[in-house]
């Protein structure tokens, strides 16, 4: 294990995070929040200086010794430290007076989960509201991907880092050079975010609100600036956010192929087709259910809210225009299923991912046929490529680990003695990076009532969900820490 190189990369990650604190500090200056401005500048400057000085004393013997395990460990600890340092402004300003709560809020931001412990979000300063939403934007594509985009690391280990941070994404599909791949991703991401800000401003949303909601939509995070999330904004704003939530839930390979002129190849992506089919079917079923049960008498309003909420849940954004805890059980069940399905691989969304669901169904079908015809050999294909044994084994291990972590988390969180729906959906909302769940953690509730132990478990779930489990599991393996390993 190349510990010195890992430490140097971790310090660079924190330095970049400290530079990001300039944005909330500038926001505080605009709104004359001078105390908050001094806190963000003070913490950012002090931590940056410490990291910069410490990095000068770290001597890396061989920068070429960097393999998959170093990549996993680097990514896991990078995200843990991002939350630990990013929580400091909330804690120091006393806007979130408990550090565990501040850590929960920050990790929820960076992992684009959107679950909150805040009782009154509108009481936050503009600086902290922007910081919350900006963590979504940074975490959506990944801070290490951002670093690779602006300054590639020396040595041949960019691929290990990018695969660990975005494990469902194949960098070779975009460009032979990692810097080109990362830059292409972030350029598309930046342009789409900028377009959303412009559209929301033109539609009457205040500039500050537009920026925060664009960050939350782009990162599929869901932190808002009002207690009712998106409900109080105009219908056209809701429609625009619905469309962009769906767009950010699409595999970014699709956009890359589009802008490089490979339009036919873009529309051959099987995952994107099924992503849209599942969304449209879920929206139709929810709309029919809430109208049939008398929840809505206005069909237009029913279509608007159902299309918004299914997009919000499936893309794991977490914005809300209605309290879906009041919807019929069938509609709630559909939303819970969408929590687990999630968005596309290679998007900013969370969940298990549509591609894994597709692969899982194909595996089930294949195993069923093999039970009838044991001698028959039928290869599996996804996106036109044959799934090899290693890929299918990884899928099986991922699903097994997911179920194990989910079950254990539900058991621990249940010790807080909330109702089962609250405990179950709290874990589902965090491990799938959704934000709101049902019952006490629904769109009108929050996570403040959980014990510190439960919050720490949910923090781990958010990190495991965002990094797709393996990086967080790797740091608990004995072999990684064994001297000389």
Protein backbone atom coordinates (compact mmCIF):
# COMPACT_ATOMS: atom_id res chain seq x y z
CA UNK A 1 0.00 0.00 0.00
CA UNK A 2 1.46 3.35 -1.07
CA UNK A 3 0.45 5.27 2.05
CA UNK A 4 2.47 8.38 1.27
CA UNK A 5 0.91 8.82 -2.14
CA UNK A 6 -2.58 8.27 -0.72
CA UNK A 7 -1.94 10.95 1.92
CA UNK A 8 -0.76 13.41 -0.73
CA UNK A 9 -3.88 12.87 -2.84
CA UNK A 10 -6.13 13.23 0.21
CA UNK A 11 -4.49 16.54 1.07
CA UNK A 12 -5.03 17.76 -2.47
CA UNK A 13 -8.71 16.83 -2.28
CA UNK A 14 -9.13 18.86 0.92
CA UNK A 15 -7.27 21.79 -0.64
CA UNK A 16 -9.76 21.79 -3.52
CA UNK A 17 -12.65 21.66 -1.06
CA UNK A 18 -11.22 24.66 0.80
CA UNK A 19 -11.03 26.58 -2.47
CA UNK A 20 -14.72 25.80 -3.03
CA UNK A 21 -15.54 27.65 0.21
CA UNK A 22 -14.82 30.90 -1.62
CA UNK A 23 -18.27 30.60 -3.26
CA UNK A 24 -20.34 30.65 -0.04
CA UNK A 25 -18.03 33.36 1.32
CA UNK A 26 -18.72 35.51 -1.74
CA UNK A 27 -22.45 34.82 -1.35
CA UNK A 28 -22.23 35.95 2.28
CA UNK A 29 -20.57 39.18 1.14
CA UNK A 30 -23.39 39.86 -1.36
CA UNK A 31 -26.03 39.38 1.34
CA UNK A 32 -24.00 41.23 4.01
CA UNK A 33 -23.61 38.10 6.16
CA UNK A 34 -20.19 39.15 7.40
CA UNK A 35 -19.87 36.65 10.23
CA UNK A 36 -20.64 33.72 7.92
CA UNK A 37 -18.21 35.16 5.38
CA UNK A 38 -15.42 35.23 7.96
CA UNK A 39 -16.18 31.65 9.01
CA UNK A 40 -16.04 30.22 5.48
CA UNK A 41 -12.91 32.20 4.60
CA UNK A 42 -11.28 31.42 7.94
CA UNK A 43 -11.93 27.69 7.85
CA UNK A 44 -11.12 27.40 4.16
CA UNK A 45 -7.91 29.40 4.47
CA UNK A 46 -6.68 27.73 7.65
CA UNK A 47 -7.32 24.16 6.50
CA UNK A 48 -5.85 24.88 3.07
CA UNK A 49 -2.68 26.28 4.64
CA UNK A 50 -2.32 23.28 6.96
CA UNK A 51 -2.78 20.81 4.09
CA UNK A 52 -0.36 22.71 1.87
CA UNK A 53 2.35 22.78 4.53
CA UNK A 54 1.90 19.12 5.51
CA UNK A 55 2.04 18.00 1.86
CA UNK A 56 5.53 19.52 1.57
CA UNK A 57 6.82 17.02 4.12
CA UNK A 58 5.36 13.97 2.38
CA UNK A 59 7.92 12.22 0.22
CA UNK A 60 6.54 9.69 -2.23
CA UNK A 61 9.11 6.99 -2.92
CA UNK A 62 7.50 5.59 -6.06
CA UNK A 63 4.46 7.37 -7.58
CA UNK A 64 3.94 4.49 -10.01
CA UNK A 65 2.92 2.08 -7.23
CA UNK A 66 -0.80 2.73 -7.32
CA UNK A 67 -3.23 -0.09 -7.98
CA UNK A 68 -6.93 -0.79 -7.56
CA UNK A 69 -6.74 -1.11 -3.76
CA UNK A 70 -5.03 2.30 -3.49
CA UNK A 71 -7.75 3.73 -5.70
CA UNK A 72 -10.53 2.34 -3.51
CA UNK A 73 -8.90 3.50 -0.27
CA UNK A 74 -8.15 6.96 -1.69
CA UNK A 75 -11.71 7.47 -2.89
CA UNK A 76 -13.32 6.19 0.32
CA UNK A 77 -11.24 8.40 2.61
CA UNK A 78 -11.55 11.36 0.26
CA UNK A 79 -15.32 11.31 0.63
CA UNK A 80 -15.14 10.81 4.39
CA UNK A 81 -12.80 13.79 4.74
CA UNK A 82 -14.94 15.90 2.40
CA UNK A 83 -17.83 15.48 4.81
CA UNK A 84 -15.69 15.99 7.92
CA UNK A 85 -14.17 19.27 6.72
CA UNK A 86 -17.27 20.49 4.89
CA UNK A 87 -19.30 20.20 8.10
CA UNK A 88 -17.09 22.66 9.97
CA UNK A 89 -18.77 25.89 8.71
CA UNK A 90 -22.21 24.62 9.75
CA UNK A 91 -20.87 23.72 13.19
CA UNK A 92 -18.79 26.88 13.78
CA UNK A 93 -21.59 29.24 12.73
CA UNK A 94 -23.89 27.25 15.07
CA UNK A 95 -26.46 26.98 12.29
CA UNK A 96 -26.16 23.27 13.05
CA UNK A 97 -24.86 23.24 16.64
CA UNK A 98 -24.18 19.49 16.84
CA UNK A 99 -21.23 18.18 14.82
CA UNK A 100 -22.79 14.77 14.08
CA UNK A 101 -25.82 16.58 12.65
CA UNK A 102 -23.54 18.89 10.66
CA UNK A 103 -21.66 15.86 9.37
CA UNK A 104 -24.93 14.16 8.41
CA UNK A 105 -26.04 17.26 6.49
CA UNK A 106 -22.72 17.63 4.69
CA UNK A 107 -22.34 13.98 3.74
CA UNK A 108 -25.96 14.09 2.57
CA UNK A 109 -24.93 17.02 0.37
CA UNK A 110 -21.77 15.57 -1.14
CA UNK A 111 -23.35 12.16 -1.74
CA UNK A 112 -26.31 13.95 -3.40
CA UNK A 113 -28.71 12.26 -0.99
CA UNK A 114 -30.64 15.30 0.20
CA UNK A 115 -31.78 13.87 3.54
CA UNK A 116 -31.77 16.60 6.16
CA UNK A 117 -31.83 17.08 9.90
CA UNK A 118 -32.88 20.74 9.59
CA UNK A 119 -36.19 21.70 11.16
CA UNK A 120 -36.33 25.11 9.46
CA UNK A 121 -34.24 25.35 6.31
CA UNK A 122 -35.29 28.95 5.70
CA UNK A 123 -33.53 30.01 8.90
CA UNK A 124 -30.16 29.19 7.32
CA UNK A 125 -27.94 31.96 5.99
CA UNK A 126 -27.63 32.44 2.23
CA UNK A 127 -24.00 31.34 2.47
CA UNK A 128 -24.87 28.03 4.10
CA UNK A 129 -27.81 27.41 1.79
CA UNK A 130 -25.51 27.85 -1.18
CA UNK A 131 -22.87 25.61 0.42
CA UNK A 132 -25.46 22.86 0.95
CA UNK A 133 -26.57 22.99 -2.67
CA UNK A 134 -23.04 23.41 -4.03
CA UNK A 135 -21.97 20.19 -2.30
CA UNK A 136 -24.62 18.48 -4.44
CA UNK A 137 -23.13 19.89 -7.61
CA UNK A 138 -19.59 18.86 -6.68
CA UNK A 139 -20.63 15.41 -5.49
CA UNK A 140 -22.84 14.75 -8.50
CA UNK A 141 -19.98 14.14 -10.89
CA UNK A 142 -17.36 13.52 -8.21
CA UNK A 143 -14.68 15.77 -6.74
CA UNK A 144 -11.87 13.45 -7.82
CA UNK A 145 -13.21 13.49 -11.38
CA UNK A 146 -13.11 17.28 -11.12
CA UNK A 147 -9.47 17.20 -10.02
CA UNK A 148 -8.61 14.88 -12.90
CA UNK A 149 -10.35 17.26 -15.28
CA UNK A 150 -8.35 20.34 -14.24
CA UNK A 151 -5.07 18.74 -13.16
CA UNK A 152 -4.32 15.07 -13.92
CA UNK A 153 -2.27 13.27 -11.31
CA UNK A 154 1.24 12.06 -12.08
CA UNK A 155 1.71 8.38 -12.71
CA UNK A 156 -0.61 5.87 -14.35
CA UNK A 157 -3.33 5.65 -11.75
CA UNK A 158 -6.03 8.06 -12.90
CA UNK A 159 -8.07 5.10 -14.11
CA UNK A 160 -8.07 3.39 -10.70
CA UNK A 161 -9.37 6.56 -9.03
CA UNK A 162 -12.02 7.26 -11.64
CA UNK A 163 -13.29 3.68 -11.58
CA UNK A 164 -13.46 3.68 -7.78
CA UNK A 165 -15.35 6.98 -7.64
CA UNK A 166 -17.65 6.18 -10.57
CA UNK A 167 -17.69 2.37 -10.53
CA UNK A 168 -20.64 2.05 -12.87
CA UNK A 169 -18.98 4.17 -15.52
CA UNK A 170 -16.53 2.92 -18.14
CA UNK A 171 -14.08 5.64 -18.99
CA UNK A 172 -12.84 3.89 -22.11
CA UNK A 173 -16.15 4.63 -23.79
CA UNK A 174 -15.33 8.32 -23.93
CA UNK A 175 -11.67 8.94 -24.57
CA UNK A 176 -8.32 7.11 -24.35
CA UNK A 177 -6.93 9.84 -22.07
CA UNK A 178 -8.41 10.15 -18.60
CA UNK A 179 -8.08 13.92 -18.52
CA UNK A 180 -10.02 14.20 -21.77
CA UNK A 181 -12.72 11.90 -20.39
CA UNK A 182 -13.06 13.82 -17.14
CA UNK A 183 -13.02 17.17 -18.96
CA UNK A 184 -15.70 16.01 -21.41
CA UNK A 185 -17.93 14.88 -18.55
CA UNK A 186 -17.58 18.09 -16.60
CA UNK A 187 -18.05 20.31 -19.66
CA UNK A 188 -21.37 18.63 -20.45
CA UNK A 189 -22.31 18.81 -16.77
CA UNK A 190 -21.42 22.52 -16.56
CA UNK A 191 -23.31 23.48 -19.73
CA UNK A 192 -26.46 21.65 -18.64
CA UNK A 193 -26.31 23.30 -15.19
CA UNK A 194 -25.83 26.75 -16.71
CA UNK A 195 -28.79 26.23 -19.09
CA UNK A 196 -31.03 25.22 -16.18
CA UNK A 197 -30.07 28.36 -14.22
CA UNK A 198 -30.92 30.54 -17.24
CA UNK A 199 -34.26 28.81 -17.81
CA UNK A 200 -35.32 29.09 -14.16
CA UNK A 201 -34.37 32.78 -14.04
CA UNK A 202 -36.35 33.50 -17.22
CA UNK A 203 -39.32 31.67 -15.72
CA UNK A 204 -39.44 33.99 -12.72
CA UNK A 205 -37.48 32.13 -10.07
CA UNK A 206 -35.12 34.44 -8.08
CA UNK A 207 -31.46 34.20 -9.12
CA UNK A 208 -30.28 32.78 -5.79
CA UNK A 209 -33.05 30.18 -5.77
CA UNK A 210 -32.31 29.32 -9.41
CA UNK A 211 -28.63 28.69 -8.69
CA UNK A 212 -29.32 26.53 -5.62
CA UNK A 213 -32.03 24.50 -7.34
CA UNK A 214 -29.90 24.07 -10.46
CA UNK A 215 -27.07 22.70 -8.29
CA UNK A 216 -29.51 20.37 -6.55
CA UNK A 217 -31.05 19.20 -9.83
CA UNK A 218 -27.72 18.71 -11.63
CA UNK A 219 -26.32 16.64 -8.77
CA UNK A 220 -29.71 14.92 -8.32
CA UNK A 221 -29.45 15.92 -4.67
CA UNK A 222 -32.61 17.75 -3.69
CA UNK A 223 -31.56 20.34 -1.11
CA UNK A 224 -33.85 23.37 -1.49
CA UNK A 225 -34.05 26.82 0.02
CA UNK A 226 -37.69 26.67 1.16
CA UNK A 227 -39.51 24.49 3.63
CA UNK A 228 -41.95 23.25 0.99
CA UNK A 229 -39.18 22.33 -1.46
CA UNK A 230 -40.49 23.20 -4.97
CA UNK A 231 -44.21 23.44 -4.21
CA UNK A 232 -44.45 27.26 -4.01
CA UNK A 233 -42.83 27.89 -7.40
CA UNK A 234 -44.68 28.27 -10.70
CA UNK A 235 -45.92 25.40 -12.81
CA UNK A 236 -43.43 26.15 -15.58
CA UNK A 237 -40.54 25.99 -13.09
CA UNK A 238 -41.76 22.60 -11.89
CA UNK A 239 -41.99 21.31 -15.47
CA UNK A 240 -38.49 22.60 -16.25
CA UNK A 241 -37.01 20.93 -13.15
CA UNK A 242 -38.85 17.70 -14.01
CA UNK A 243 -37.30 17.65 -17.48
CA UNK A 244 -33.81 18.41 -16.19
CA UNK A 245 -34.03 15.83 -13.41
CA UNK A 246 -34.71 13.24 -16.09
CA UNK A 247 -31.88 14.59 -18.24
CA UNK A 248 -29.34 14.38 -15.41
CA UNK A 249 -30.51 10.83 -14.69
CA UNK A 250 -29.46 9.73 -18.19
CA UNK A 251 -26.16 7.95 -18.82
CA UNK A 252 -23.69 10.73 -19.73
CA UNK A 253 -22.23 8.48 -22.43
CA UNK A 254 -25.46 9.26 -24.30
CA UNK A 255 -24.65 12.98 -24.34
CA UNK A 256 -21.03 12.39 -25.28
CA UNK A 257 -22.07 10.31 -28.28
CA UNK A 258 -24.61 12.96 -29.25
CA UNK A 259 -22.16 15.86 -29.21
CA UNK A 260 -19.53 13.85 -31.09
CA UNK A 261 -21.99 13.13 -33.89
CA UNK A 262 -22.60 9.45 -33.06
CA UNK A 263 -26.36 9.94 -32.77
CA UNK A 264 -27.30 6.44 -33.92
CA UNK A 265 -24.97 4.89 -31.35
CA UNK A 266 -26.45 7.13 -28.64
CA UNK A 267 -29.97 5.89 -29.25
CA UNK A 268 -28.79 2.27 -29.23
CA UNK A 269 -28.05 2.51 -25.50
CA UNK A 270 -30.45 -0.04 -24.05
CA UNK A 271 -30.33 1.37 -20.53
CA UNK A 272 -31.61 4.81 -21.60
CA UNK A 273 -34.59 3.29 -23.41
CA UNK A 274 -35.63 1.24 -20.39
CA UNK A 275 -35.01 4.19 -18.07
CA UNK A 276 -37.59 6.22 -19.99
CA UNK A 277 -40.00 3.29 -20.30
CA UNK A 278 -39.94 2.65 -16.53
CA UNK A 279 -40.42 6.37 -15.83
CA UNK A 280 -43.39 6.74 -18.20
CA UNK A 281 -45.05 3.55 -16.92
CA UNK A 282 -44.60 4.57 -13.27
CA UNK A 283 -45.98 8.05 -13.95
CA UNK A 284 -49.03 6.61 -15.70
CA UNK A 285 -49.79 4.15 -12.89
CA UNK A 286 -49.37 6.79 -10.17
CA UNK A 287 -51.53 9.31 -12.04
CA UNK A 288 -54.35 6.81 -12.50
CA UNK A 289 -54.11 5.68 -8.86
CA UNK A 290 -54.23 9.14 -7.27
CA UNK A 291 -57.13 10.23 -9.49
CA UNK A 292 -59.07 6.99 -8.95
CA UNK A 293 -58.73 7.33 -5.16
CA UNK A 294 -59.90 10.95 -5.15
CA UNK A 295 -56.59 12.45 -4.03
CA UNK A 296 -56.77 14.82 -7.00
CA UNK A 297 -59.85 16.10 -8.81
CA UNK A 298 -57.82 18.14 -11.29
CA UNK A 299 -56.26 15.79 -13.86
CA UNK A 300 -53.66 18.38 -14.92
CA UNK A 301 -52.44 18.83 -11.34
CA UNK A 302 -52.36 15.05 -10.87
CA UNK A 303 -50.23 14.57 -13.99
CA UNK A 304 -47.89 17.40 -12.96
CA UNK A 305 -47.31 16.09 -9.44
CA UNK A 306 -47.05 12.43 -10.42
CA UNK A 307 -44.60 13.13 -13.26
CA UNK A 308 -42.53 15.37 -10.96
CA UNK A 309 -42.44 12.93 -8.04
CA UNK A 310 -41.67 9.84 -10.12
CA UNK A 311 -38.84 11.75 -11.83
CA UNK A 312 -37.60 13.07 -8.49
CA UNK A 313 -37.57 9.63 -6.85
CA UNK A 314 -36.28 7.62 -9.82
CA UNK A 315 -33.42 10.04 -10.47
CA UNK A 316 -32.84 10.10 -6.69
CA UNK A 317 -33.12 13.90 -6.61
CA UNK A 318 -35.60 14.15 -3.77
CA UNK A 319 -37.37 17.44 -4.56
CA UNK A 320 -41.10 17.41 -3.82
CA UNK A 321 -44.21 19.23 -4.98
CA UNK A 322 -46.61 17.20 -2.87
CA UNK A 323 -46.69 15.13 0.31
CA UNK A 324 -46.75 11.68 -1.29
CA UNK A 325 -47.11 10.14 2.17
CA UNK A 326 -50.82 11.04 1.73
CA UNK A 327 -51.06 9.17 -1.56
CA UNK A 328 -52.60 5.66 -1.79
CA UNK A 329 -50.51 2.65 -0.84
CA UNK A 330 -50.08 1.51 -4.44
CA UNK A 331 -48.56 4.86 -5.46
CA UNK A 332 -46.25 4.83 -2.44
CA UNK A 333 -45.19 1.28 -3.31
CA UNK A 334 -44.29 2.39 -6.84
CA UNK A 335 -42.16 5.21 -5.45
CA UNK A 336 -40.36 2.81 -3.09
CA UNK A 337 -39.61 0.48 -6.01
CA UNK A 338 -38.25 3.45 -7.99
CA UNK A 339 -35.99 4.27 -5.02
CA UNK A 340 -34.21 0.98 -5.52
CA UNK A 341 -34.14 1.04 -9.33
CA UNK A 342 -32.63 4.51 -9.49
CA UNK A 343 -31.24 6.26 -12.55
CA UNK A 344 -28.80 5.23 -15.27
CA UNK A 345 -25.21 4.13 -14.81
CA UNK A 346 -22.87 7.00 -15.62
CA UNK A 347 -25.41 9.63 -14.50
CA UNK A 348 -25.44 11.75 -11.36
CA UNK A 349 -28.31 9.68 -9.97
CA UNK A 350 -28.15 6.97 -7.33
CA UNK A 351 -29.97 3.70 -6.69
CA UNK A 352 -29.05 0.24 -7.93
CA UNK A 353 -29.11 1.60 -11.52
CA UNK A 354 -31.24 0.54 -14.47
CA UNK A 355 -28.37 -1.33 -16.15
CA UNK A 356 -27.96 -3.62 -13.13
CA UNK A 357 -31.70 -4.26 -13.05
CA UNK A 358 -31.59 -5.18 -16.76
CA UNK A 359 -28.58 -7.42 -16.27
CA UNK A 360 -30.27 -9.04 -13.27
CA UNK A 361 -33.40 -9.88 -15.25
CA UNK A 362 -31.28 -11.32 -18.06
CA UNK A 363 -29.38 -13.45 -15.55
CA UNK A 364 -32.64 -14.75 -14.07
CA UNK A 365 -33.97 -15.59 -17.54
CA UNK A 366 -30.73 -17.29 -18.51
CA UNK A 367 -30.57 -19.39 -15.32
CA UNK A 368 -34.24 -20.38 -15.78
CA UNK A 369 -33.53 -21.59 -19.33
CA UNK A 370 -30.41 -23.43 -18.14
CA UNK A 371 -32.48 -25.30 -15.54
CA UNK A 372 -34.61 -26.63 -18.42
CA UNK A 373 -31.72 -27.18 -20.83
CA UNK A 374 -28.53 -27.72 -18.75
CA UNK A 375 -26.35 -28.37 -21.82
CA UNK A 376 -27.34 -25.18 -23.58
CA UNK A 377 -24.83 -22.33 -23.57
CA UNK A 378 -26.37 -18.92 -24.17
CA UNK A 379 -24.20 -15.81 -23.70
CA UNK A 380 -25.64 -12.68 -22.08
CA UNK A 381 -25.51 -9.33 -23.85
CA UNK A 382 -26.03 -5.81 -22.53
CA UNK A 383 -25.64 -2.71 -24.69
CA UNK A 384 -24.51 -5.01 -27.52
CA UNK A 385 -21.56 -6.34 -25.50
CA UNK A 386 -21.18 -9.81 -24.09
CA UNK A 387 -21.25 -9.98 -20.31
CA UNK A 388 -18.25 -11.99 -19.17
CA UNK A 389 -18.13 -14.12 -16.04
CA UNK A 390 -16.29 -11.47 -14.04
CA UNK A 391 -18.98 -8.87 -14.78
CA UNK A 392 -21.83 -11.16 -13.77
CA UNK A 393 -19.99 -12.23 -10.61
CA UNK A 394 -19.42 -8.58 -9.69
CA UNK A 395 -23.13 -7.94 -10.16
CA UNK A 396 -24.03 -10.85 -7.89
CA UNK A 397 -21.56 -9.74 -5.21
CA UNK A 398 -22.81 -6.15 -5.41
CA UNK A 399 -26.43 -7.22 -4.93
CA UNK A 400 -25.49 -9.54 -2.05
CA UNK A 401 -23.50 -6.79 -0.32
CA UNK A 402 -26.31 -4.29 -0.92
CA UNK A 403 -28.90 -6.57 0.66
CA UNK A 404 -26.61 -7.36 3.62
CA UNK A 405 -25.82 -3.69 4.35
CA UNK A 406 -29.46 -2.68 3.87
CA UNK A 407 -30.76 -5.38 6.21
CA UNK A 408 -28.18 -4.71 8.92
CA UNK A 409 -28.83 -0.96 8.71
CA UNK A 410 -32.59 -1.42 9.07
CA UNK A 411 -32.03 -3.58 12.15
CA UNK A 412 -29.77 -0.99 13.81
CA UNK A 413 -31.96 1.99 12.91
CA UNK A 414 -35.03 0.11 14.19
CA UNK A 415 -33.56 0.25 17.70
CA UNK A 416 -34.71 3.88 17.79
CA UNK A 417 -38.21 2.40 18.03
CA UNK A 418 -39.80 4.33 15.16
CA UNK A 419 -42.40 2.58 13.02
CA UNK A 420 -41.11 0.08 10.47
CA UNK A 421 -42.04 2.26 7.47
CA UNK A 422 -39.92 5.10 8.88
CA UNK A 423 -36.91 2.86 9.60
CA UNK A 424 -37.14 0.92 6.33
CA UNK A 425 -37.53 3.95 4.07
CA UNK A 426 -34.94 5.98 6.01
CA UNK A 427 -32.34 3.36 5.08
CA UNK A 428 -33.74 3.04 1.55
CA UNK A 429 -33.60 6.82 1.11
CA UNK A 430 -29.99 7.09 2.29
CA UNK A 431 -28.38 4.04 0.72
CA UNK A 432 -30.05 4.89 -2.60
CA UNK A 433 -29.21 8.60 -2.18
CA UNK A 434 -32.85 9.67 -2.49
CA UNK A 435 -33.45 12.12 0.37
CA UNK A 436 -37.01 11.74 1.65
CA UNK A 437 -38.61 8.46 2.59
CA UNK A 438 -42.07 7.79 3.98
CA UNK A 439 -43.84 8.40 7.29
CA UNK A 440 -41.65 10.46 9.69
CA UNK A 441 -38.92 10.91 7.05
CA UNK A 442 -41.34 11.86 4.28
CA UNK A 443 -41.18 15.09 2.26
CA UNK A 444 -42.57 17.10 5.19
CA UNK A 445 -40.39 15.35 7.80
CA UNK A 446 -36.67 15.08 8.52
CA UNK A 447 -34.03 12.84 10.09
CA UNK A 448 -33.40 14.90 13.22
CA UNK A 449 -35.18 12.44 15.54
CA UNK A 450 -32.77 9.56 15.01
CA UNK A 451 -30.10 8.71 17.56
CA UNK A 452 -26.43 9.49 16.93
CA UNK A 453 -25.77 5.81 16.28
CA UNK A 454 -28.50 5.67 13.65
CA UNK A 455 -27.24 8.87 12.03
CA UNK A 456 -23.74 7.41 11.79
CA UNK A 457 -25.17 4.26 10.21
CA UNK A 458 -27.15 6.36 7.74
CA UNK A 459 -24.03 8.42 6.98
CA UNK A 460 -22.21 5.18 6.11
CA UNK A 461 -25.18 4.15 3.96
CA UNK A 462 -25.06 7.44 2.06
CA UNK A 463 -21.36 7.00 1.36
CA UNK A 464 -21.76 3.33 0.43
CA UNK A 465 -24.63 4.17 -1.90
CA UNK A 466 -22.80 7.03 -3.62
CA UNK A 467 -19.59 5.02 -4.11
CA UNK A 468 -21.55 1.85 -4.94
CA UNK A 469 -20.44 -0.07 -1.86
CA UNK A 470 -17.04 -1.56 -2.73
CA UNK A 471 -14.77 1.39 -1.79
CA UNK A 472 -16.44 1.57 1.62
CA UNK A 473 -16.11 -2.18 2.16
CA UNK A 474 -12.46 -2.24 1.09
CA UNK A 475 -11.36 -0.01 3.95
CA UNK A 476 -12.70 -2.60 6.41
CA UNK A 477 -10.66 -5.47 4.97
CA UNK A 478 -7.64 -6.58 6.96
CA UNK A 479 -5.50 -7.21 3.88
CA UNK A 480 -5.58 -3.54 2.89
CA UNK A 481 -4.01 -2.43 6.17
CA UNK A 482 -1.54 -5.28 6.52
CA UNK A 483 2.03 -3.97 6.52
CA UNK A 484 3.71 -4.68 3.22
CA UNK A 485 0.42 -5.58 1.49
